[in-house]
Amino acid sequence: MVEDWLADAHKRGVGSDAIKTTELVNRTFTILSVELKELTELAELDKEGKPKVRQTYVGTIRFDGDPENHVAWLGGAGPKAAIDEALERGAFPLQVKLVLDGKAYMLVRPTPATATAAPTTAEFNLEPLIRDWVREIGGMGEVQRVFSAGTLMPPISAALAYSPMGDLRWRLSSLDSQQKGNLWLALRGEWKKPVEEGPSDEDDLDAMSFD
């Protein structure tokens, strides 16, 4: 059920500059990074008479067609479970759409108009993609933060390394054609983790309401 506690927290000035979850409904955006927040609900008490504490994510997002990054509340039990899974998979940046399933928030993957295939080795031009992606993330400082946090997609993480001077740099020259292809897809938000034996990833994603 859609609850008013995020809006109440917003009014109290907790993250007052952040976009409210209600304003994200039916909008497509890319989640670049997230931070888990705890909110104390003074109006709701637990069995011991103490104010309830809720956890929700605040994310840095970028709307489709908008070059600017924004901070937004990503509230609701469904989005939290999906983001928890995305963090475990190292799936950020992740393009999603926020919809309502009845009165509950749900993150789903936008349906692409056409499938995009990775180019051949001769067609790779990663530099512009990297430049745009770094700008979307918020600069190399933010890239270093999420790299250290281990939340980047594996193809992107594999293309980064610290230099002897301690600077985080791209190591494109050491990547083979398959790694470059995966990096190309990941920078576009289109890379998918290979299916492993046992319960399929797609089944897990369906359970999270991503697809």
N, C-alpha and C. Protein backbone atom coordinates (compact mmCIF):
# COMPACT_ATOMS: atom_id res chain seq x y z
N MET A 1 0.85 -1.19 0.00
CA MET A 1 0.00 0.00 0.00
C MET A 1 0.89 1.24 0.00
N VAL A 2 0.45 2.24 -0.81
CA VAL A 2 1.21 3.49 -0.85
C VAL A 2 1.01 4.20 0.47
N GLU A 3 2.10 4.52 1.13
CA GLU A 3 2.03 5.14 2.43
C GLU A 3 2.46 6.60 2.34
N ASP A 4 2.08 7.38 3.34
CA ASP A 4 2.38 8.81 3.33
C ASP A 4 3.62 9.15 4.11
N TRP A 5 4.32 8.13 4.63
CA TRP A 5 5.44 8.45 5.52
C TRP A 5 6.60 9.12 4.78
N LEU A 6 6.80 8.79 3.48
CA LEU A 6 7.86 9.46 2.74
C LEU A 6 7.51 10.94 2.55
N ALA A 7 6.25 11.18 2.23
CA ALA A 7 5.83 12.57 2.05
C ALA A 7 5.94 13.33 3.36
N ASP A 8 5.58 12.67 4.47
CA ASP A 8 5.69 13.33 5.78
C ASP A 8 7.15 13.66 6.10
N ALA A 9 8.04 12.71 5.80
CA ALA A 9 9.46 12.96 6.04
C ALA A 9 9.95 14.10 5.17
N HIS A 10 9.45 14.13 3.95
CA HIS A 10 9.81 15.22 3.04
C HIS A 10 9.40 16.56 3.63
N LYS A 11 8.19 16.63 4.16
CA LYS A 11 7.70 17.88 4.73
C LYS A 11 8.48 18.29 5.96
N ARG A 12 8.97 17.30 6.71
CA ARG A 12 9.74 17.61 7.92
C ARG A 12 11.15 18.09 7.58
N GLY A 13 11.48 18.06 6.31
CA GLY A 13 12.79 18.55 5.89
C GLY A 13 13.84 17.48 5.82
N VAL A 14 13.45 16.19 5.93
CA VAL A 14 14.43 15.12 5.79
C VAL A 14 14.63 14.89 4.30
N GLY A 15 15.75 15.36 3.77
CA GLY A 15 15.96 15.24 2.34
C GLY A 15 14.97 16.09 1.57
N SER A 16 14.72 17.31 2.03
CA SER A 16 13.69 18.15 1.45
C SER A 16 13.95 18.51 -0.01
N ASP A 17 15.19 18.40 -0.45
CA ASP A 17 15.50 18.71 -1.84
C ASP A 17 15.31 17.50 -2.75
N ALA A 18 15.06 16.33 -2.17
CA ALA A 18 14.91 15.12 -2.97
C ALA A 18 13.52 15.03 -3.58
N ILE A 19 13.45 14.43 -4.76
CA ILE A 19 12.17 14.20 -5.43
C ILE A 19 11.41 13.11 -4.68
N LYS A 20 10.12 13.33 -4.45
CA LYS A 20 9.32 12.35 -3.74
C LYS A 20 9.00 11.16 -4.65
N THR A 21 8.81 9.99 -4.04
CA THR A 21 8.52 8.78 -4.80
C THR A 21 7.26 8.96 -5.64
N THR A 22 6.27 9.63 -5.13
CA THR A 22 5.01 9.82 -5.86
C THR A 22 5.23 10.56 -7.18
N GLU A 23 6.29 11.36 -7.25
CA GLU A 23 6.55 12.12 -8.47
C GLU A 23 7.29 11.30 -9.53
N LEU A 24 7.68 10.07 -9.16
CA LEU A 24 8.41 9.21 -10.10
C LEU A 24 7.50 8.23 -10.84
N VAL A 25 6.24 8.16 -10.42
CA VAL A 25 5.33 7.16 -11.00
C VAL A 25 5.20 7.35 -12.51
N ASN A 26 5.36 6.24 -13.23
CA ASN A 26 5.26 6.18 -14.70
C ASN A 26 6.37 6.96 -15.40
N ARG A 27 7.47 7.18 -14.70
CA ARG A 27 8.62 7.84 -15.32
C ARG A 27 9.77 6.85 -15.44
N THR A 28 10.52 6.98 -16.52
CA THR A 28 11.68 6.12 -16.76
C THR A 28 12.94 6.88 -16.43
N PHE A 29 13.83 6.23 -15.68
CA PHE A 29 15.06 6.88 -15.26
C PHE A 29 16.13 5.83 -14.99
N THR A 30 17.36 6.30 -14.90
CA THR A 30 18.48 5.42 -14.60
C THR A 30 18.95 5.68 -13.18
N ILE A 31 19.02 4.62 -12.38
CA ILE A 31 19.55 4.74 -11.02
C ILE A 31 21.06 4.62 -11.10
N LEU A 32 21.77 5.67 -10.70
CA LEU A 32 23.22 5.69 -10.78
C LEU A 32 23.87 5.16 -9.51
N SER A 33 23.33 5.53 -8.37
CA SER A 33 23.84 5.07 -7.09
C SER A 33 22.74 5.25 -6.05
N VAL A 34 22.87 4.56 -4.92
CA VAL A 34 21.84 4.65 -3.87
C VAL A 34 22.50 4.72 -2.50
N GLU A 35 21.74 5.23 -1.55
CA GLU A 35 22.17 5.28 -0.16
C GLU A 35 20.98 4.91 0.72
N LEU A 36 21.19 4.00 1.66
CA LEU A 36 20.12 3.56 2.54
C LEU A 36 19.94 4.56 3.69
N LYS A 37 18.70 4.98 3.89
CA LYS A 37 18.38 5.94 4.94
C LYS A 37 17.44 5.31 5.96
N GLU A 38 17.54 5.74 7.19
CA GLU A 38 16.61 5.33 8.24
C GLU A 38 15.78 6.54 8.65
N LEU A 39 14.47 6.35 8.67
CA LEU A 39 13.55 7.42 9.04
C LEU A 39 12.78 7.01 10.29
N THR A 40 12.74 7.88 11.27
CA THR A 40 12.01 7.62 12.51
C THR A 40 10.61 8.20 12.39
N GLU A 41 9.62 7.33 12.56
CA GLU A 41 8.22 7.75 12.46
C GLU A 41 7.68 8.06 13.86
N LEU A 42 7.66 9.32 14.21
CA LEU A 42 7.21 9.72 15.54
C LEU A 42 5.74 9.42 15.77
N ALA A 43 4.96 9.38 14.67
CA ALA A 43 3.52 9.15 14.80
C ALA A 43 3.17 7.67 14.91
N GLU A 44 4.14 6.79 14.66
CA GLU A 44 3.88 5.36 14.73
C GLU A 44 4.78 4.73 15.77
N LEU A 45 4.18 3.96 16.68
CA LEU A 45 4.94 3.34 17.76
C LEU A 45 4.95 1.83 17.59
N ASP A 46 6.06 1.20 18.00
CA ASP A 46 6.12 -0.26 17.97
C ASP A 46 5.49 -0.83 19.24
N LYS A 47 5.62 -2.15 19.43
CA LYS A 47 4.99 -2.80 20.58
C LYS A 47 5.55 -2.32 21.91
N GLU A 48 6.78 -1.80 21.88
CA GLU A 48 7.41 -1.30 23.10
C GLU A 48 7.13 0.18 23.33
N GLY A 49 6.33 0.76 22.45
CA GLY A 49 5.99 2.17 22.61
C GLY A 49 7.04 3.11 22.06
N LYS A 50 8.00 2.57 21.31
CA LYS A 50 9.05 3.41 20.71
C LYS A 50 8.68 3.77 19.27
N PRO A 51 9.15 4.93 18.80
CA PRO A 51 8.86 5.30 17.41
C PRO A 51 9.42 4.26 16.44
N LYS A 52 8.64 3.94 15.41
CA LYS A 52 9.09 2.97 14.42
C LYS A 52 10.18 3.58 13.53
N VAL A 53 11.12 2.75 13.14
CA VAL A 53 12.20 3.17 12.24
C VAL A 53 12.04 2.42 10.93
N ARG A 54 11.95 3.14 9.84
CA ARG A 54 11.81 2.54 8.51
C ARG A 54 13.08 2.79 7.71
N GLN A 55 13.39 1.85 6.84
CA GLN A 55 14.54 1.99 5.95
C GLN A 55 14.04 2.21 4.52
N THR A 56 14.67 3.13 3.84
CA THR A 56 14.35 3.38 2.44
C THR A 56 15.60 3.88 1.73
N TYR A 57 15.60 3.75 0.43
CA TYR A 57 16.75 4.20 -0.35
C TYR A 57 16.51 5.61 -0.91
N VAL A 58 17.57 6.37 -0.90
CA VAL A 58 17.62 7.63 -1.64
C VAL A 58 18.63 7.42 -2.76
N GLY A 59 18.23 7.73 -3.98
CA GLY A 59 19.10 7.44 -5.11
C GLY A 59 19.47 8.67 -5.91
N THR A 60 20.63 8.61 -6.54
CA THR A 60 21.01 9.59 -7.56
C THR A 60 20.51 9.03 -8.88
N ILE A 61 19.61 9.75 -9.55
CA ILE A 61 18.99 9.23 -10.76
C ILE A 61 19.12 10.23 -11.90
N ARG A 62 18.89 9.74 -13.09
CA ARG A 62 18.89 10.61 -14.28
C ARG A 62 17.71 10.21 -15.15
N PHE A 63 16.79 11.14 -15.37
CA PHE A 63 15.64 10.87 -16.21
C PHE A 63 16.05 10.76 -17.67
N ASP A 64 15.34 9.92 -18.42
CA ASP A 64 15.61 9.80 -19.84
C ASP A 64 15.43 11.16 -20.52
N GLY A 65 16.41 11.55 -21.30
CA GLY A 65 16.35 12.82 -22.02
C GLY A 65 16.75 14.02 -21.21
N ASP A 66 17.13 13.82 -19.95
CA ASP A 66 17.55 14.92 -19.07
C ASP A 66 19.02 14.72 -18.71
N PRO A 67 19.89 15.67 -19.06
CA PRO A 67 21.32 15.49 -18.78
C PRO A 67 21.69 15.69 -17.31
N GLU A 68 20.77 16.20 -16.50
CA GLU A 68 21.08 16.50 -15.11
C GLU A 68 20.81 15.30 -14.19
N ASN A 69 21.62 15.17 -13.15
CA ASN A 69 21.37 14.17 -12.11
C ASN A 69 20.44 14.76 -11.06
N HIS A 70 19.62 13.90 -10.46
CA HIS A 70 18.69 14.33 -9.42
C HIS A 70 18.76 13.34 -8.26
N VAL A 71 18.36 13.82 -7.07
CA VAL A 71 18.27 12.96 -5.90
C VAL A 71 16.80 12.68 -5.66
N ALA A 72 16.46 11.41 -5.43
CA ALA A 72 15.05 11.05 -5.27
C ALA A 72 14.88 9.96 -4.23
N TRP A 73 13.75 10.01 -3.53
CA TRP A 73 13.36 8.93 -2.64
C TRP A 73 12.91 7.76 -3.49
N LEU A 74 13.39 6.56 -3.18
CA LEU A 74 12.96 5.34 -3.88
C LEU A 74 12.25 4.47 -2.85
N GLY A 75 11.08 4.93 -2.44
CA GLY A 75 10.38 4.31 -1.33
C GLY A 75 9.52 3.12 -1.72
N GLY A 76 9.10 2.36 -0.72
CA GLY A 76 8.24 1.22 -0.92
C GLY A 76 8.99 -0.09 -0.73
N ALA A 77 8.26 -1.11 -0.27
CA ALA A 77 8.88 -2.41 -0.01
C ALA A 77 9.38 -3.05 -1.30
N GLY A 78 8.61 -2.92 -2.38
CA GLY A 78 9.02 -3.52 -3.66
C GLY A 78 10.30 -2.92 -4.20
N PRO A 79 10.38 -1.59 -4.35
CA PRO A 79 11.63 -0.98 -4.81
C PRO A 79 12.81 -1.29 -3.91
N LYS A 80 12.61 -1.33 -2.58
CA LYS A 80 13.73 -1.64 -1.69
C LYS A 80 14.27 -3.04 -1.95
N ALA A 81 13.36 -4.02 -2.11
CA ALA A 81 13.80 -5.39 -2.38
C ALA A 81 14.53 -5.47 -3.72
N ALA A 82 14.02 -4.75 -4.72
CA ALA A 82 14.67 -4.76 -6.03
C ALA A 82 16.05 -4.12 -5.99
N ILE A 83 16.17 -3.02 -5.25
CA ILE A 83 17.46 -2.34 -5.14
C ILE A 83 18.43 -3.18 -4.34
N ASP A 84 17.95 -3.85 -3.29
CA ASP A 84 18.82 -4.76 -2.54
C ASP A 84 19.42 -5.80 -3.48
N GLU A 85 18.58 -6.37 -4.36
CA GLU A 85 19.05 -7.39 -5.29
C GLU A 85 20.01 -6.80 -6.32
N ALA A 86 19.69 -5.59 -6.81
CA ALA A 86 20.56 -4.94 -7.79
C ALA A 86 21.93 -4.65 -7.20
N LEU A 87 21.98 -4.27 -5.93
CA LEU A 87 23.26 -4.04 -5.26
C LEU A 87 24.05 -5.33 -5.18
N GLU A 88 23.37 -6.43 -4.85
CA GLU A 88 24.05 -7.71 -4.74
C GLU A 88 24.59 -8.16 -6.09
N ARG A 89 23.88 -7.85 -7.16
CA ARG A 89 24.29 -8.24 -8.50
C ARG A 89 25.30 -7.27 -9.11
N GLY A 90 25.52 -6.11 -8.49
CA GLY A 90 26.39 -5.11 -9.08
C GLY A 90 25.81 -4.57 -10.37
N ALA A 91 24.50 -4.28 -10.36
CA ALA A 91 23.78 -3.96 -11.59
C ALA A 91 23.67 -2.47 -11.89
N PHE A 92 24.30 -1.63 -11.09
CA PHE A 92 24.20 -0.19 -11.35
C PHE A 92 25.29 0.28 -12.30
N PRO A 93 24.97 1.26 -13.18
CA PRO A 93 23.71 1.99 -13.31
C PRO A 93 22.62 1.09 -13.90
N LEU A 94 21.37 1.35 -13.51
CA LEU A 94 20.25 0.49 -13.90
C LEU A 94 19.08 1.36 -14.35
N GLN A 95 18.63 1.11 -15.59
CA GLN A 95 17.48 1.85 -16.10
C GLN A 95 16.20 1.14 -15.67
N VAL A 96 15.26 1.89 -15.10
CA VAL A 96 14.01 1.33 -14.59
C VAL A 96 12.85 2.28 -14.88
N LYS A 97 11.67 1.77 -14.63
CA LYS A 97 10.46 2.60 -14.65
C LYS A 97 9.71 2.31 -13.37
N LEU A 98 9.23 3.35 -12.70
CA LEU A 98 8.46 3.18 -11.47
C LEU A 98 6.98 3.18 -11.82
N VAL A 99 6.28 2.11 -11.45
CA VAL A 99 4.86 2.00 -11.75
C VAL A 99 4.11 1.64 -10.47
N LEU A 100 2.80 1.65 -10.55
CA LEU A 100 1.95 1.24 -9.44
C LEU A 100 1.32 -0.10 -9.76
N ASP A 101 1.44 -1.04 -8.82
CA ASP A 101 0.76 -2.32 -8.91
C ASP A 101 -0.34 -2.29 -7.85
N GLY A 102 -1.53 -1.88 -8.27
CA GLY A 102 -2.57 -1.57 -7.30
C GLY A 102 -2.20 -0.25 -6.64
N LYS A 103 -1.83 -0.31 -5.37
CA LYS A 103 -1.38 0.88 -4.66
C LYS A 103 0.07 0.77 -4.22
N ALA A 104 0.75 -0.27 -4.67
CA ALA A 104 2.14 -0.50 -4.28
C ALA A 104 3.09 -0.04 -5.38
N TYR A 105 4.22 0.53 -4.95
CA TYR A 105 5.25 0.93 -5.91
C TYR A 105 5.98 -0.31 -6.42
N MET A 106 6.36 -0.26 -7.70
CA MET A 106 7.10 -1.37 -8.30
C MET A 106 8.09 -0.82 -9.32
N LEU A 107 9.33 -1.33 -9.29
CA LEU A 107 10.32 -0.99 -10.31
C LEU A 107 10.28 -2.07 -11.38
N VAL A 108 10.16 -1.65 -12.64
CA VAL A 108 10.17 -2.58 -13.76
C VAL A 108 11.19 -2.11 -14.78
N ARG A 109 11.61 -3.02 -15.63
CA ARG A 109 12.53 -2.65 -16.71
C ARG A 109 11.73 -2.11 -17.88
N PRO A 110 12.11 -0.97 -18.44
CA PRO A 110 11.41 -0.44 -19.61
C PRO A 110 11.54 -1.43 -20.76
N THR A 111 10.49 -1.57 -21.53
CA THR A 111 10.52 -2.46 -22.69
C THR A 111 11.18 -1.74 -23.85
N PRO A 112 12.34 -2.22 -24.32
CA PRO A 112 13.00 -1.54 -25.43
C PRO A 112 12.23 -1.72 -26.72
N ALA A 113 12.30 -0.72 -27.57
CA ALA A 113 11.62 -0.80 -28.86
C ALA A 113 12.26 -1.86 -29.73
N THR A 114 13.57 -1.93 -29.70
CA THR A 114 14.30 -2.94 -30.46
C THR A 114 15.48 -3.39 -29.64
N ALA A 115 15.89 -4.64 -29.84
CA ALA A 115 17.05 -5.16 -29.13
C ALA A 115 18.31 -4.56 -29.71
N THR A 116 19.26 -4.24 -28.85
CA THR A 116 20.51 -3.65 -29.29
C THR A 116 21.62 -4.68 -29.17
N ALA A 117 22.32 -4.91 -30.25
CA ALA A 117 23.43 -5.87 -30.25
C ALA A 117 24.73 -5.12 -30.11
N ALA A 118 25.69 -5.74 -29.45
CA ALA A 118 27.01 -5.12 -29.34
C ALA A 118 27.66 -5.07 -30.71
N PRO A 119 28.41 -4.02 -31.02
CA PRO A 119 29.06 -3.92 -32.32
C PRO A 119 30.22 -4.89 -32.43
N THR A 120 30.71 -5.04 -33.65
CA THR A 120 31.90 -5.87 -33.84
C THR A 120 33.10 -5.13 -33.28
N THR A 121 34.21 -5.85 -33.13
CA THR A 121 35.41 -5.24 -32.55
C THR A 121 35.84 -3.99 -33.30
N ALA A 122 35.72 -4.03 -34.62
CA ALA A 122 36.15 -2.89 -35.43
C ALA A 122 35.27 -1.67 -35.22
N GLU A 123 34.04 -1.87 -34.69
CA GLU A 123 33.12 -0.76 -34.54
C GLU A 123 33.15 -0.15 -33.14
N PHE A 124 33.92 -0.75 -32.24
CA PHE A 124 33.94 -0.24 -30.86
C PHE A 124 34.47 1.19 -30.83
N ASN A 125 33.72 2.04 -30.14
CA ASN A 125 34.18 3.40 -29.89
C ASN A 125 33.75 3.73 -28.46
N LEU A 126 34.52 3.22 -27.52
CA LEU A 126 34.13 3.27 -26.12
C LEU A 126 34.33 4.64 -25.48
N GLU A 127 35.27 5.42 -26.01
CA GLU A 127 35.61 6.68 -25.35
C GLU A 127 34.41 7.61 -25.17
N PRO A 128 33.58 7.84 -26.24
CA PRO A 128 32.42 8.72 -26.02
C PRO A 128 31.43 8.15 -25.01
N LEU A 129 31.23 6.83 -25.03
CA LEU A 129 30.33 6.20 -24.07
C LEU A 129 30.85 6.37 -22.65
N ILE A 130 32.15 6.18 -22.47
CA ILE A 130 32.76 6.34 -21.15
C ILE A 130 32.62 7.77 -20.67
N ARG A 131 32.88 8.71 -21.57
CA ARG A 131 32.80 10.13 -21.21
C ARG A 131 31.37 10.49 -20.76
N ASP A 132 30.38 10.03 -21.52
CA ASP A 132 28.99 10.34 -21.17
C ASP A 132 28.59 9.64 -19.88
N TRP A 133 29.03 8.39 -19.72
CA TRP A 133 28.67 7.63 -18.52
C TRP A 133 29.27 8.27 -17.27
N VAL A 134 30.53 8.67 -17.34
CA VAL A 134 31.18 9.32 -16.19
C VAL A 134 30.45 10.61 -15.83
N ARG A 135 30.03 11.36 -16.85
CA ARG A 135 29.28 12.59 -16.59
C ARG A 135 27.95 12.28 -15.91
N GLU A 136 27.26 11.22 -16.38
CA GLU A 136 25.98 10.84 -15.78
C GLU A 136 26.16 10.43 -14.32
N ILE A 137 27.23 9.70 -14.04
CA ILE A 137 27.48 9.23 -12.67
C ILE A 137 27.77 10.40 -11.74
N GLY A 138 28.41 11.44 -12.27
CA GLY A 138 28.74 12.59 -11.44
C GLY A 138 30.23 12.87 -11.34
N GLY A 139 31.02 12.32 -12.28
CA GLY A 139 32.46 12.57 -12.27
C GLY A 139 33.24 11.38 -11.74
N MET A 140 34.56 11.41 -11.93
CA MET A 140 35.40 10.29 -11.52
C MET A 140 35.43 10.10 -10.01
N GLY A 141 35.17 11.16 -9.25
CA GLY A 141 35.12 11.01 -7.80
C GLY A 141 33.98 10.09 -7.40
N GLU A 142 32.82 10.26 -8.04
CA GLU A 142 31.68 9.39 -7.75
C GLU A 142 31.91 7.99 -8.29
N VAL A 143 32.59 7.89 -9.45
CA VAL A 143 32.93 6.57 -10.00
C VAL A 143 33.82 5.82 -9.01
N GLN A 144 34.80 6.50 -8.45
CA GLN A 144 35.69 5.87 -7.48
C GLN A 144 34.92 5.40 -6.25
N ARG A 145 33.92 6.19 -5.84
CA ARG A 145 33.15 5.81 -4.65
C ARG A 145 32.36 4.53 -4.90
N VAL A 146 31.64 4.46 -6.03
CA VAL A 146 30.83 3.27 -6.30
C VAL A 146 31.71 2.07 -6.67
N PHE A 147 32.89 2.34 -7.26
CA PHE A 147 33.83 1.26 -7.55
C PHE A 147 34.31 0.64 -6.23
N SER A 148 34.64 1.48 -5.27
CA SER A 148 35.10 0.99 -3.97
C SER A 148 33.98 0.28 -3.22
N ALA A 149 32.73 0.73 -3.46
CA ALA A 149 31.59 0.11 -2.79
C ALA A 149 31.20 -1.22 -3.42
N GLY A 150 31.75 -1.50 -4.61
CA GLY A 150 31.48 -2.77 -5.27
C GLY A 150 30.10 -2.86 -5.89
N THR A 151 29.51 -1.73 -6.28
CA THR A 151 28.15 -1.73 -6.81
C THR A 151 28.09 -1.52 -8.32
N LEU A 152 29.23 -1.49 -8.99
CA LEU A 152 29.24 -1.32 -10.44
C LEU A 152 28.96 -2.65 -11.13
N MET A 153 28.43 -2.58 -12.36
CA MET A 153 28.30 -3.78 -13.16
C MET A 153 29.68 -4.40 -13.35
N PRO A 154 29.79 -5.73 -13.31
CA PRO A 154 31.09 -6.39 -13.45
C PRO A 154 31.89 -5.95 -14.68
N PRO A 155 31.28 -5.79 -15.88
CA PRO A 155 32.10 -5.36 -17.03
C PRO A 155 32.73 -3.98 -16.84
N ILE A 156 32.02 -3.09 -16.13
CA ILE A 156 32.58 -1.76 -15.88
C ILE A 156 33.67 -1.84 -14.82
N SER A 157 33.40 -2.59 -13.77
CA SER A 157 34.39 -2.75 -12.70
C SER A 157 35.68 -3.37 -13.23
N ALA A 158 35.54 -4.35 -14.16
CA ALA A 158 36.72 -5.04 -14.71
C ALA A 158 37.55 -4.12 -15.59
N ALA A 159 36.95 -3.02 -16.08
CA ALA A 159 37.66 -2.10 -16.96
C ALA A 159 38.35 -0.98 -16.19
N LEU A 160 38.24 -1.00 -14.87
CA LEU A 160 38.85 0.03 -14.03
C LEU A 160 39.93 -0.58 -13.14
N ALA A 161 40.94 0.21 -12.86
CA ALA A 161 42.01 -0.25 -11.97
C ALA A 161 42.76 0.97 -11.44
N TYR A 162 43.34 0.80 -10.26
CA TYR A 162 44.14 1.88 -9.69
C TYR A 162 45.54 1.85 -10.26
N SER A 163 46.04 3.03 -10.58
CA SER A 163 47.41 3.15 -11.08
C SER A 163 48.37 3.10 -9.90
N PRO A 164 49.68 2.97 -10.15
CA PRO A 164 50.66 2.98 -9.06
C PRO A 164 50.61 4.27 -8.24
N MET A 165 50.09 5.35 -8.85
CA MET A 165 49.98 6.62 -8.15
C MET A 165 48.70 6.71 -7.33
N GLY A 166 47.84 5.67 -7.42
CA GLY A 166 46.61 5.66 -6.64
C GLY A 166 45.42 6.26 -7.33
N ASP A 167 45.54 6.56 -8.64
CA ASP A 167 44.43 7.11 -9.40
C ASP A 167 43.63 5.98 -10.04
N LEU A 168 42.31 6.13 -10.05
CA LEU A 168 41.45 5.15 -10.71
C LEU A 168 41.42 5.47 -12.19
N ARG A 169 41.78 4.49 -13.02
CA ARG A 169 41.89 4.72 -14.47
C ARG A 169 41.24 3.58 -15.25
N TRP A 170 40.88 3.90 -16.49
CA TRP A 170 40.36 2.89 -17.40
C TRP A 170 41.52 2.11 -18.02
N ARG A 171 41.38 0.79 -18.13
CA ARG A 171 42.44 -0.05 -18.69
C ARG A 171 41.93 -0.74 -19.95
N LEU A 172 41.48 0.05 -20.90
CA LEU A 172 40.85 -0.48 -22.11
C LEU A 172 41.81 -1.33 -22.94
N SER A 173 43.08 -0.95 -22.94
CA SER A 173 44.05 -1.66 -23.79
C SER A 173 44.25 -3.11 -23.35
N SER A 174 43.90 -3.42 -22.11
CA SER A 174 44.12 -4.78 -21.61
C SER A 174 42.87 -5.66 -21.75
N LEU A 175 41.77 -5.10 -22.30
CA LEU A 175 40.54 -5.86 -22.45
C LEU A 175 40.52 -6.61 -23.78
N ASP A 176 39.97 -7.83 -23.78
CA ASP A 176 39.80 -8.55 -25.04
C ASP A 176 38.49 -8.12 -25.67
N SER A 177 38.17 -8.65 -26.86
CA SER A 177 37.00 -8.21 -27.61
C SER A 177 35.70 -8.52 -26.86
N GLN A 178 35.63 -9.65 -26.18
CA GLN A 178 34.43 -9.99 -25.43
C GLN A 178 34.23 -9.03 -24.26
N GLN A 179 35.31 -8.72 -23.57
CA GLN A 179 35.22 -7.78 -22.45
C GLN A 179 34.80 -6.39 -22.93
N LYS A 180 35.32 -5.99 -24.08
CA LYS A 180 34.94 -4.69 -24.63
C LYS A 180 33.47 -4.68 -25.03
N GLY A 181 33.00 -5.81 -25.58
CA GLY A 181 31.59 -5.90 -25.94
C GLY A 181 30.69 -5.81 -24.72
N ASN A 182 31.08 -6.49 -23.65
CA ASN A 182 30.30 -6.42 -22.41
C ASN A 182 30.34 -5.02 -21.82
N LEU A 183 31.50 -4.37 -21.90
CA LEU A 183 31.63 -3.01 -21.40
C LEU A 183 30.74 -2.07 -22.20
N TRP A 184 30.73 -2.24 -23.51
CA TRP A 184 29.89 -1.41 -24.39
C TRP A 184 28.43 -1.51 -23.99
N LEU A 185 27.96 -2.75 -23.72
CA LEU A 185 26.58 -2.96 -23.31
C LEU A 185 26.33 -2.38 -21.92
N ALA A 186 27.27 -2.58 -21.00
CA ALA A 186 27.09 -2.11 -19.63
C ALA A 186 27.01 -0.59 -19.56
N LEU A 187 27.84 0.10 -20.33
CA LEU A 187 27.82 1.56 -20.33
C LEU A 187 26.49 2.10 -20.85
N ARG A 188 25.82 1.30 -21.66
CA ARG A 188 24.50 1.68 -22.19
C ARG A 188 23.37 1.16 -21.31
N GLY A 189 23.72 0.46 -20.22
CA GLY A 189 22.71 -0.09 -19.32
C GLY A 189 22.00 -1.30 -19.87
N GLU A 190 22.64 -2.01 -20.83
CA GLU A 190 21.99 -3.13 -21.52
C GLU A 190 22.65 -4.47 -21.23
N TRP A 191 23.68 -4.49 -20.39
CA TRP A 191 24.35 -5.76 -20.09
C TRP A 191 23.52 -6.57 -19.13
N LYS A 192 23.47 -7.90 -19.34
CA LYS A 192 22.76 -8.81 -18.44
C LYS A 192 23.72 -9.89 -17.97
N LYS A 193 23.62 -10.21 -16.69
CA LYS A 193 24.47 -11.23 -16.12
C LYS A 193 24.16 -12.58 -16.75
N PRO A 194 25.19 -13.35 -17.16
CA PRO A 194 24.95 -14.67 -17.76
C PRO A 194 24.17 -15.57 -16.81
N VAL A 195 23.30 -16.39 -17.39
CA VAL A 195 22.48 -17.30 -16.59
C VAL A 195 23.36 -18.41 -16.04
N GLU A 196 23.25 -18.67 -14.75
CA GLU A 196 24.01 -19.73 -14.11
C GLU A 196 23.14 -20.96 -13.92
N GLU A 197 23.77 -22.09 -13.60
CA GLU A 197 23.03 -23.31 -13.36
C GLU A 197 22.18 -23.14 -12.11
N GLY A 198 21.07 -23.90 -12.05
CA GLY A 198 20.16 -23.79 -10.92
C GLY A 198 19.06 -22.82 -11.26
N PRO A 199 18.40 -22.24 -10.27
CA PRO A 199 17.32 -21.27 -10.52
C PRO A 199 17.83 -20.14 -11.38
N SER A 200 17.10 -19.82 -12.44
CA SER A 200 17.58 -18.83 -13.40
C SER A 200 17.49 -17.43 -12.85
N ASP A 201 18.38 -16.56 -13.35
CA ASP A 201 18.36 -15.15 -12.96
C ASP A 201 17.05 -14.51 -13.39
N GLU A 202 16.53 -14.94 -14.58
CA GLU A 202 15.30 -14.33 -15.05
C GLU A 202 14.15 -14.61 -14.09
N ASP A 203 14.12 -15.85 -13.52
CA ASP A 203 13.09 -16.16 -12.55
C ASP A 203 13.21 -15.25 -11.33
N ASP A 204 14.46 -15.03 -10.89
CA ASP A 204 14.68 -14.16 -9.74
C ASP A 204 14.23 -12.74 -10.05
N LEU A 205 14.54 -12.26 -11.27
CA LEU A 205 14.16 -10.91 -11.65
C LEU A 205 12.66 -10.78 -11.77
N ASP A 206 12.00 -11.84 -12.29
CA ASP A 206 10.55 -11.79 -12.37
C ASP A 206 9.95 -11.65 -10.98
N ALA A 207 10.54 -12.37 -10.02
CA ALA A 207 10.03 -12.31 -8.65
C ALA A 207 10.19 -10.95 -8.07
N MET A 208 11.21 -10.19 -8.53
CA MET A 208 11.44 -8.84 -8.03
C MET A 208 10.63 -7.81 -8.78
N SER A 209 9.87 -8.24 -9.81
CA SER A 209 9.06 -7.34 -10.63
C SER A 209 9.91 -6.39 -11.44
N PHE A 210 11.09 -6.84 -11.90
CA PHE A 210 11.89 -6.02 -12.79
C PHE A 210 11.41 -6.17 -14.21
N ASP A 211 10.99 -7.37 -14.61
CA ASP A 211 10.57 -7.61 -15.99
C ASP A 211 9.05 -7.63 -16.10
